[in-house]
C-alpha cells in the first residue's frame, strides 16, 4: 500500500494587529482543522512505521532463532560425522594390520613349484605301499611260524 505524502496546509493569512485594544472586536480564532488532520495523518503513518519495524524485528528474531537452531543441529551432525570417521579410520587400521598378518602367513606357505616337487617325490616313492612296523612284525612272525611247522 503506497504511502501518501501529507499535504501541507496553506500558509496562515497575514493579519495586521491581532490584538487591537479599544475597538471592541474579538480576535478571530485560528483555523486548526487542517493541522489536526495533518497530525492524525502523521500519527497513522507513525503507527504504520512502528508496526513495520515491529514486524521486521519479529522476522529477524525468528530468523536468528532458526539460524541458532540450525547451527546446533549442524554442530551435532558434524560431531557425529567426526566420530564416524574416527571409527572408520580405526577399522581401516585394524584391517591393514590383519592384511599384513595374512601376507606374512602366505609368505611362509609353500609355493606351487614346491608342491609340484613334493608331488613328484610322493608319486615316485608311492608311500601307499609302505608297511607299518606292526605289519612287518606280524609278517615276520607268520613266516617264522610257517618255517617252524
N, C-alpha and C. Protein backbone atom coordinates (compact mmCIF):
# COMPACT_ATOMS: atom_id res chain seq x y z
N UNK A 1 0.85 -1.15 0.00
CA UNK A 1 0.00 0.00 0.00
C UNK A 1 0.90 1.22 0.00
N UNK A 2 0.85 2.04 -1.05
CA UNK A 2 1.74 3.20 -1.11
C UNK A 2 1.31 4.26 -0.10
N UNK A 3 2.32 4.88 0.47
CA UNK A 3 2.07 5.93 1.46
C UNK A 3 1.91 7.26 0.74
N UNK A 4 0.97 8.05 1.23
CA UNK A 4 0.74 9.35 0.61
C UNK A 4 1.50 10.42 1.39
N UNK A 5 2.02 11.31 0.67
CA UNK A 5 2.70 12.45 1.28
C UNK A 5 1.63 13.33 1.92
N UNK A 6 1.88 13.79 3.13
CA UNK A 6 0.86 14.67 3.73
C UNK A 6 0.84 16.00 2.99
N UNK A 7 -0.34 16.48 2.83
CA UNK A 7 -0.47 17.79 2.17
C UNK A 7 -0.28 18.87 3.21
N UNK A 8 0.49 19.84 2.87
CA UNK A 8 0.77 20.92 3.80
C UNK A 8 -0.38 21.93 3.77
N UNK A 9 -0.70 22.43 4.93
CA UNK A 9 -1.79 23.43 4.96
C UNK A 9 -1.29 24.72 4.33
N UNK A 10 -2.21 25.49 3.83
CA UNK A 10 -1.79 26.77 3.24
C UNK A 10 -1.21 27.67 4.33
N UNK A 11 -0.28 28.53 3.97
CA UNK A 11 0.32 29.40 4.99
C UNK A 11 -0.76 30.30 5.59
N UNK A 12 -0.57 30.63 6.87
CA UNK A 12 -1.60 31.45 7.53
C UNK A 12 -1.68 32.83 6.89
N UNK A 13 -2.90 33.36 6.91
CA UNK A 13 -3.13 34.69 6.32
C UNK A 13 -2.48 35.73 7.22
N UNK A 14 -1.94 36.73 6.61
CA UNK A 14 -1.30 37.79 7.39
C UNK A 14 -2.41 38.72 7.91
N UNK A 15 -2.28 38.99 9.14
CA UNK A 15 -3.23 39.89 9.77
C UNK A 15 -2.46 41.05 10.34
N UNK A 16 -3.05 42.05 10.30
CA UNK A 16 -2.40 43.22 10.88
C UNK A 16 -2.98 43.43 12.26
N UNK A 17 -2.14 43.37 13.20
CA UNK A 17 -2.51 43.65 14.57
C UNK A 17 -3.56 42.71 15.10
N UNK A 18 -3.17 41.60 15.63
CA UNK A 18 -4.12 40.65 16.19
C UNK A 18 -4.79 41.28 17.42
N UNK A 19 -4.02 41.90 18.22
CA UNK A 19 -4.59 42.49 19.43
C UNK A 19 -4.88 43.98 19.19
N UNK A 20 -6.08 44.29 19.13
CA UNK A 20 -6.46 45.70 18.96
C UNK A 20 -7.26 46.08 20.19
N UNK A 21 -6.74 47.01 20.84
CA UNK A 21 -7.40 47.45 22.06
C UNK A 21 -8.39 48.56 21.75
N UNK A 22 -9.48 48.45 22.35
CA UNK A 22 -10.43 49.53 22.31
C UNK A 22 -11.34 49.52 21.12
N UNK A 23 -11.22 48.62 20.22
CA UNK A 23 -12.11 48.64 19.06
C UNK A 23 -13.30 47.73 19.29
N UNK A 24 -13.23 46.87 20.33
CA UNK A 24 -14.34 46.02 20.66
C UNK A 24 -14.49 44.82 19.75
N UNK A 25 -13.57 44.57 18.95
CA UNK A 25 -13.65 43.41 18.07
C UNK A 25 -12.94 42.23 18.75
N UNK A 26 -13.52 41.13 18.63
CA UNK A 26 -12.92 39.90 19.15
C UNK A 26 -11.92 39.39 18.11
N UNK A 27 -10.78 38.91 18.59
CA UNK A 27 -9.85 38.35 17.61
C UNK A 27 -10.39 37.05 17.06
N UNK A 28 -10.09 36.77 15.82
CA UNK A 28 -10.58 35.54 15.19
C UNK A 28 -9.79 34.36 15.70
N UNK A 29 -10.47 33.25 15.88
CA UNK A 29 -9.79 32.02 16.33
C UNK A 29 -9.04 31.42 15.14
N UNK A 30 -7.81 30.99 15.37
CA UNK A 30 -7.06 30.42 14.25
C UNK A 30 -7.71 29.11 13.79
N UNK A 31 -7.53 28.79 12.53
CA UNK A 31 -8.12 27.59 11.94
C UNK A 31 -7.17 26.41 12.14
N UNK A 32 -7.51 25.46 13.06
CA UNK A 32 -6.68 24.29 13.35
C UNK A 32 -7.19 23.03 12.67
N UNK A 33 -8.24 23.10 11.89
CA UNK A 33 -8.83 21.90 11.29
C UNK A 33 -7.85 21.23 10.34
N UNK A 34 -7.14 21.96 9.55
CA UNK A 34 -6.15 21.37 8.62
C UNK A 34 -4.98 20.78 9.38
N UNK A 35 -4.61 21.44 10.48
CA UNK A 35 -3.47 20.98 11.26
C UNK A 35 -3.82 19.68 11.99
N UNK A 36 -5.04 19.54 12.49
CA UNK A 36 -5.42 18.31 13.19
C UNK A 36 -5.47 17.14 12.22
N UNK A 37 -5.94 17.36 11.00
CA UNK A 37 -5.95 16.26 10.03
C UNK A 37 -4.52 15.86 9.67
N UNK A 38 -3.62 16.87 9.59
CA UNK A 38 -2.22 16.55 9.30
C UNK A 38 -1.61 15.76 10.46
N UNK A 39 -1.92 16.14 11.67
CA UNK A 39 -1.39 15.44 12.84
C UNK A 39 -1.93 14.03 12.89
N UNK A 40 -3.23 13.85 12.62
CA UNK A 40 -3.79 12.49 12.63
C UNK A 40 -3.18 11.65 11.51
N UNK A 41 -2.93 12.26 10.36
CA UNK A 41 -2.27 11.54 9.25
C UNK A 41 -0.85 11.13 9.66
N UNK A 42 -0.14 12.06 10.28
CA UNK A 42 1.22 11.74 10.75
C UNK A 42 1.17 10.63 11.81
N UNK A 43 0.19 10.67 12.68
CA UNK A 43 0.03 9.63 13.71
C UNK A 43 -0.19 8.26 13.08
N UNK A 44 -1.07 8.22 12.06
CA UNK A 44 -1.33 6.95 11.36
C UNK A 44 -0.06 6.44 10.70
N UNK A 45 0.63 7.34 10.03
CA UNK A 45 1.87 6.94 9.35
C UNK A 45 2.91 6.45 10.35
N UNK A 46 2.98 7.10 11.50
CA UNK A 46 3.91 6.70 12.54
C UNK A 46 3.55 5.32 13.07
N UNK A 47 2.26 5.07 13.29
CA UNK A 47 1.84 3.74 13.74
C UNK A 47 2.17 2.68 12.70
N UNK A 48 1.95 2.97 11.43
CA UNK A 48 2.29 2.02 10.35
C UNK A 48 3.78 1.72 10.34
N UNK A 49 4.58 2.76 10.49
CA UNK A 49 6.04 2.55 10.53
C UNK A 49 6.44 1.71 11.74
N UNK A 50 5.82 2.00 12.90
CA UNK A 50 6.14 1.23 14.10
C UNK A 50 5.74 -0.22 13.92
N UNK A 51 4.57 -0.47 13.31
CA UNK A 51 4.15 -1.85 13.04
C UNK A 51 5.12 -2.53 12.10
N UNK A 52 5.57 -1.82 11.08
CA UNK A 52 6.54 -2.39 10.15
C UNK A 52 7.84 -2.75 10.84
N UNK A 53 8.32 -1.83 11.70
CA UNK A 53 9.56 -2.12 12.44
C UNK A 53 9.36 -3.29 13.39
N UNK A 54 8.18 -3.35 14.02
CA UNK A 54 7.89 -4.48 14.92
C UNK A 54 7.90 -5.78 14.13
N UNK A 55 7.27 -5.78 12.98
CA UNK A 55 7.25 -6.99 12.14
C UNK A 55 8.66 -7.37 11.70
N UNK A 56 9.45 -6.38 11.34
CA UNK A 56 10.83 -6.67 10.92
C UNK A 56 11.62 -7.23 12.09
N UNK A 57 11.43 -6.67 13.30
CA UNK A 57 12.13 -7.19 14.47
C UNK A 57 11.74 -8.64 14.74
N UNK A 58 10.44 -8.94 14.64
CA UNK A 58 9.97 -10.31 14.84
C UNK A 58 10.58 -11.24 13.79
N UNK A 59 10.58 -10.78 12.55
CA UNK A 59 11.15 -11.58 11.46
C UNK A 59 12.61 -11.89 11.74
N UNK A 60 13.37 -10.87 12.13
CA UNK A 60 14.80 -11.08 12.40
C UNK A 60 14.99 -11.97 13.63
N UNK A 61 14.13 -11.84 14.62
CA UNK A 61 14.24 -12.67 15.81
C UNK A 61 13.98 -14.14 15.45
N UNK A 62 12.93 -14.38 14.67
CA UNK A 62 12.62 -15.75 14.25
C UNK A 62 13.76 -16.29 13.39
N UNK A 63 14.26 -15.46 12.48
CA UNK A 63 15.36 -15.88 11.62
C UNK A 63 16.60 -16.22 12.46
N UNK A 64 16.90 -15.38 13.44
CA UNK A 64 18.06 -15.62 14.30
C UNK A 64 17.88 -16.92 15.09
N UNK A 65 16.68 -17.15 15.61
CA UNK A 65 16.41 -18.39 16.34
C UNK A 65 16.57 -19.59 15.43
N UNK A 66 16.09 -19.47 14.20
CA UNK A 66 16.24 -20.57 13.24
C UNK A 66 17.70 -20.83 12.92
N UNK A 67 18.47 -19.75 12.75
CA UNK A 67 19.90 -19.92 12.46
C UNK A 67 20.60 -20.60 13.63
N UNK A 68 20.26 -20.20 14.85
CA UNK A 68 20.87 -20.80 16.03
C UNK A 68 20.50 -22.28 16.11
N UNK A 69 19.23 -22.59 15.87
CA UNK A 69 18.79 -23.99 15.92
C UNK A 69 19.50 -24.82 14.85
N UNK A 70 19.59 -24.27 13.63
CA UNK A 70 20.28 -24.99 12.55
C UNK A 70 21.75 -25.16 12.88
N UNK A 71 22.35 -24.14 13.48
CA UNK A 71 23.76 -24.22 13.86
C UNK A 71 23.98 -25.34 14.87
N UNK A 72 23.09 -25.44 15.87
CA UNK A 72 23.20 -26.53 16.84
C UNK A 72 23.04 -27.88 16.16
N UNK A 73 22.06 -27.96 15.26
CA UNK A 73 21.82 -29.21 14.55
C UNK A 73 23.04 -29.60 13.72
N UNK A 74 23.59 -28.63 12.99
CA UNK A 74 24.76 -28.92 12.16
C UNK A 74 25.97 -29.27 13.01
N UNK A 75 26.12 -28.63 14.16
CA UNK A 75 27.22 -28.96 15.06
C UNK A 75 27.10 -30.41 15.53
N UNK A 76 25.90 -30.80 15.90
CA UNK A 76 25.69 -32.19 16.33
C UNK A 76 25.98 -33.15 15.18
N UNK A 77 25.53 -32.81 13.98
CA UNK A 77 25.80 -33.66 12.81
C UNK A 77 27.29 -33.76 12.54
N UNK A 78 27.99 -32.65 12.66
CA UNK A 78 29.44 -32.65 12.41
C UNK A 78 30.15 -33.52 13.45
N UNK A 79 29.73 -33.42 14.72
CA UNK A 79 30.33 -34.26 15.75
C UNK A 79 30.08 -35.73 15.46
N UNK A 80 28.86 -36.06 15.06
CA UNK A 80 28.54 -37.44 14.74
C UNK A 80 29.38 -37.93 13.56
N UNK A 81 29.49 -37.11 12.53
CA UNK A 81 30.29 -37.50 11.37
C UNK A 81 31.76 -37.65 11.74
N UNK A 82 32.26 -36.77 12.60
CA UNK A 82 33.66 -36.86 13.02
C UNK A 82 33.90 -38.15 13.79
N UNK A 83 32.97 -38.52 14.67
CA UNK A 83 33.15 -39.78 15.41
C UNK A 83 33.04 -40.98 14.47
N UNK A 84 32.14 -40.91 13.48
CA UNK A 84 32.04 -41.99 12.50
C UNK A 84 33.33 -42.11 11.69
N UNK A 85 33.89 -40.99 11.32
CA UNK A 85 35.15 -41.01 10.55
C UNK A 85 36.27 -41.62 11.39
N UNK A 86 36.33 -41.26 12.68
CA UNK A 86 37.36 -41.83 13.55
C UNK A 86 37.18 -43.35 13.68
N UNK A 87 35.95 -43.79 13.80
CA UNK A 87 35.67 -45.22 13.90
C UNK A 87 36.07 -45.94 12.62
N UNK A 88 35.77 -45.34 11.48
CA UNK A 88 36.14 -45.94 10.20
C UNK A 88 37.65 -45.99 10.06
N UNK A 89 38.35 -44.94 10.50
CA UNK A 89 39.82 -44.95 10.46
C UNK A 89 40.39 -46.08 11.30
N UNK A 90 39.82 -46.29 12.51
CA UNK A 90 40.28 -47.39 13.36
C UNK A 90 40.06 -48.74 12.67
N UNK A 91 38.89 -48.91 12.07
CA UNK A 91 38.60 -50.16 11.38
C UNK A 91 39.55 -50.38 10.20
N UNK A 92 39.84 -49.33 9.46
CA UNK A 92 40.78 -49.44 8.33
C UNK A 92 42.17 -49.82 8.85
N UNK A 93 42.57 -49.22 9.97
CA UNK A 93 43.87 -49.55 10.56
C UNK A 93 43.92 -51.03 10.97
N UNK A 94 42.84 -51.52 11.61
CA UNK A 94 42.77 -52.93 12.01
C UNK A 94 42.82 -53.83 10.78
N UNK A 95 42.10 -53.45 9.73
CA UNK A 95 42.10 -54.27 8.51
C UNK A 95 43.49 -54.31 7.88
N UNK A 96 44.20 -53.20 7.91
CA UNK A 96 45.57 -53.18 7.38
C UNK A 96 46.47 -54.14 8.16
N UNK A 97 46.34 -54.08 9.49
CA UNK A 97 47.16 -54.97 10.32
C UNK A 97 46.85 -56.43 10.02
N UNK A 98 45.58 -56.76 9.90
CA UNK A 98 45.19 -58.15 9.61
C UNK A 98 45.66 -58.56 8.22
N UNK A 99 45.57 -57.65 7.27
CA UNK A 99 46.02 -57.95 5.91
C UNK A 99 47.53 -58.19 5.89
N UNK A 100 48.28 -57.39 6.63
CA UNK A 100 49.72 -57.61 6.72
C UNK A 100 50.04 -58.96 7.36
N UNK A 101 49.26 -59.33 8.36
CA UNK A 101 49.45 -60.63 9.00
C UNK A 101 49.17 -61.76 8.02
N UNK A 102 48.11 -61.63 7.23
CA UNK A 102 47.78 -62.65 6.23
C UNK A 102 48.90 -62.73 5.18
N UNK A 103 49.42 -61.59 4.78
CA UNK A 103 50.50 -61.58 3.79
C UNK A 103 51.73 -62.29 4.35
N UNK A 104 52.07 -62.04 5.61
CA UNK A 104 53.21 -62.72 6.23
C UNK A 104 52.98 -64.22 6.28
N UNK A 105 51.75 -64.62 6.63
CA UNK A 105 51.43 -66.05 6.68
C UNK A 105 51.54 -66.67 5.29
N UNK A 106 51.08 -65.97 4.29
CA UNK A 106 51.14 -66.51 2.93
C UNK A 106 52.58 -66.62 2.43
N UNK A 107 53.44 -65.73 2.91
CA UNK A 107 54.85 -65.80 2.50
C UNK A 107 55.53 -67.03 3.07
N UNK A 108 55.05 -67.54 4.21
CA UNK A 108 55.67 -68.73 4.81
C UNK A 108 55.11 -70.02 4.23
N UNK A 109 54.04 -69.99 3.49
CA UNK A 109 53.47 -71.21 2.91
C UNK A 109 54.25 -71.61 1.67
N UNK A 110 54.05 -72.88 1.29
CA UNK A 110 54.78 -73.43 0.14
C UNK A 110 54.21 -72.86 -1.15
N UNK A 111 55.13 -72.69 -2.10
CA UNK A 111 54.71 -72.18 -3.41
C UNK A 111 54.26 -73.35 -4.29
N UNK A 112 53.68 -73.03 -5.40
CA UNK A 112 53.14 -74.03 -6.32
C UNK A 112 54.24 -74.97 -6.82
N UNK A 113 55.40 -74.39 -7.15
CA UNK A 113 56.50 -75.22 -7.65
C UNK A 113 56.99 -76.20 -6.59
N UNK A 114 57.05 -75.73 -5.34
CA UNK A 114 57.49 -76.60 -4.25
C UNK A 114 56.52 -77.76 -4.05
N UNK A 115 55.22 -77.47 -4.15
CA UNK A 115 54.21 -78.52 -4.02
C UNK A 115 54.34 -79.53 -5.17
N UNK A 116 54.65 -79.07 -6.36
CA UNK A 116 54.82 -79.97 -7.52
C UNK A 116 56.02 -80.91 -7.30
N UNK A 117 57.09 -80.35 -6.73
CA UNK A 117 58.27 -81.19 -6.45
C UNK A 117 57.92 -82.26 -5.44
N UNK A 118 57.21 -81.88 -4.38
CA UNK A 118 56.79 -82.86 -3.37
C UNK A 118 55.87 -83.92 -3.99
N UNK A 119 55.00 -83.51 -4.87
CA UNK A 119 54.09 -84.46 -5.53
C UNK A 119 54.87 -85.49 -6.34
N UNK A 120 55.90 -85.03 -7.05
CA UNK A 120 56.72 -85.97 -7.84
C UNK A 120 57.41 -86.98 -6.94
N UNK A 121 57.98 -86.53 -5.81
CA UNK A 121 58.65 -87.45 -4.89
C UNK A 121 57.66 -88.45 -4.30
N UNK A 122 56.49 -87.95 -3.93
CA UNK A 122 55.48 -88.85 -3.34
C UNK A 122 55.06 -89.90 -4.36
N UNK A 123 54.85 -89.49 -5.60
CA UNK A 123 54.47 -90.45 -6.64
C UNK A 123 55.61 -91.45 -6.90
N UNK A 124 56.85 -90.97 -6.82
CA UNK A 124 57.99 -91.84 -7.04
C UNK A 124 58.13 -92.87 -5.92
N UNK A 125 57.95 -92.46 -4.68
CA UNK A 125 58.12 -93.37 -3.54
C UNK A 125 56.88 -94.22 -3.31
N UNK A 126 55.75 -93.76 -3.69
CA UNK A 126 54.48 -94.45 -3.51
C UNK A 126 54.32 -94.94 -2.07
N UNK A 127 54.12 -94.05 -1.13
CA UNK A 127 54.06 -94.42 0.28
C UNK A 127 52.84 -95.27 0.64
N UNK A 128 51.93 -95.43 -0.28
CA UNK A 128 50.76 -96.27 0.00
C UNK A 128 51.20 -97.72 0.18
N UNK A 129 52.27 -98.07 -0.48
CA UNK A 129 52.75 -99.45 -0.40
C UNK A 129 53.66 -99.67 0.80
N UNK A 130 53.93 -98.63 1.57
CA UNK A 130 54.76 -98.79 2.77
C UNK A 130 53.97 -99.59 3.81
N UNK A 131 54.72 -100.30 4.65
CA UNK A 131 54.09 -101.07 5.71
C UNK A 131 54.49 -100.48 7.05
N UNK A 132 53.63 -100.70 8.04
CA UNK A 132 53.94 -100.21 9.38
C UNK A 132 54.80 -101.23 10.09
N UNK A 133 55.35 -100.84 11.21
CA UNK A 133 56.21 -101.72 11.99
C UNK A 133 55.43 -102.91 12.51
N UNK A 134 54.23 -102.73 12.90
CA UNK A 134 53.38 -103.82 13.39
C UNK A 134 53.10 -104.83 12.28
N UNK A 135 52.84 -104.29 11.09
CA UNK A 135 52.59 -105.21 9.96
C UNK A 135 53.82 -106.03 9.65
N UNK A 136 55.02 -105.42 9.70
CA UNK A 136 56.27 -106.15 9.43
C UNK A 136 56.48 -107.22 10.50
N UNK A 137 56.24 -106.86 11.74
CA UNK A 137 56.41 -107.84 12.81
C UNK A 137 55.44 -109.00 12.66
N UNK A 138 54.21 -108.71 12.29
CA UNK A 138 53.24 -109.81 12.12
C UNK A 138 53.61 -110.68 10.92
N UNK A 139 54.12 -110.07 9.86
CA UNK A 139 54.54 -110.84 8.69
C UNK A 139 55.73 -111.74 9.07
N UNK A 140 56.69 -111.20 9.81
CA UNK A 140 57.87 -111.98 10.22
C UNK A 140 57.45 -113.14 11.11
N UNK A 141 56.54 -112.84 12.06
CA UNK A 141 56.10 -113.92 12.94
C UNK A 141 55.33 -114.99 12.17
N UNK A 142 54.59 -114.62 11.12
CA UNK A 142 53.88 -115.61 10.29
C UNK A 142 54.88 -116.49 9.53
N UNK A 143 55.88 -115.81 8.96
CA UNK A 143 56.87 -116.54 8.19
C UNK A 143 57.65 -117.49 9.13
N UNK A 144 58.05 -117.04 10.25
CA UNK A 144 58.77 -117.88 11.21
C UNK A 144 57.87 -118.99 11.71
N UNK A 145 56.64 -118.73 11.89
CA UNK A 145 55.68 -119.76 12.33
C UNK A 145 55.52 -120.83 11.27
N UNK A 146 55.52 -120.48 10.01
CA UNK A 146 55.38 -121.44 8.93
C UNK A 146 56.65 -122.28 8.81
N UNK A 147 57.81 -121.65 9.03
CA UNK A 147 59.07 -122.40 8.94
C UNK A 147 59.21 -123.35 10.10
N UNK A 148 58.69 -123.04 11.19
CA UNK A 148 58.78 -123.91 12.34
C UNK A 148 57.82 -125.09 12.23
N UNK A 149 56.86 -125.00 11.50
CA UNK A 149 55.91 -126.09 11.35
C UNK A 149 56.41 -127.03 10.37
